[in-house]
Amino acid sequence: MRTPRRWSTAVTAALLLGTGSCEKPAPAAPAPKPASPPATVPTTSARGKVTGTVRYEGATPRMTRINTASDPACEGAASAEPAIAVHDGLLENVLVRIKGPVAGEPAPKPQGPVVLDQKACAYVPRVQGALAGQAIEVHNSDPTLHGVRVLQGPDSVLQEVQPPQGPPVKGEVPRAAEVLRVKCDVHPWMLAWIVVSPSAHFAVTDAAGHFALEGLPPGTYTVEAWHESLGTRSAEVKVAADGATELSFTFSAG
């Protein structure tokens, strides 16, 4: 007896459904991994500092005389070049900084410009630190014209003639800069330095050769001391939470 077509079709469909129900279910997608917690930066109360002095060893160098006769407006200017400023064996104008970025800290953001002034035909301050991308602002408090020029190596990154007590000359610290030299095209003895740091932990020694690097998370750091003509010194230090680490550097001529 021949099976009706409708019954055969129904049987075939049932067999197909039964076969499908015997297959193993597809494995469930793995649960997403929890996101890594953000890096934590120690609170201010858990931070330490590095303090110390920079000394100069040997005979105090003789400073080069400055001839300001070419511009009567420079009367009262310093009579000697203060490249190596030593006071009782202590060295001024040394830029001390943490070498490299500080682990656990976000990239520092500049707060306000790097400010230079021209007083009595000299740049003030002579040495200062800065962050990459920070604004530069050069003022002229003198009653005479200056030719502001900022150089990165041999290349000028800012150059402008500035009238007596005129508006500030403005620029920016290049991202790839390490040290910027600032000079005056009118008065060749005028000189200043801007040292670019990867972190905000830097300081310039005062007349007593003293410096302080504060707000450092606990850890081990390389500290650098830079001088415009005497070179660079470095030392490794360990900083404890709420602690002060003492450090000293010594420079000498030759």
Foldseek 3Di string as FASTA:
>chain_A
DDDDPVVVVVVVVVVVVVVVVPDDDDDDDDDDDDDDDDQADDDLQFWEKEKEFEFEDDDDDDFAAFDPVVDPLLPPADGTQPQFQADPGTTFFKKKFFADDAPSDDFDDDDAAAEWEADSNEIPPQEDEDAAFGKYKYFYQTQAKWWKFKDQVPDTQFTDIAHHRHGIGMDTHHNPGAKIWIATPVRGSYIHMYGYHRHPQMDTAHNRRIDMGISHRFDKTKMWIQGPPQGIDIDIDTTGTVYYHYDYHYTYDD
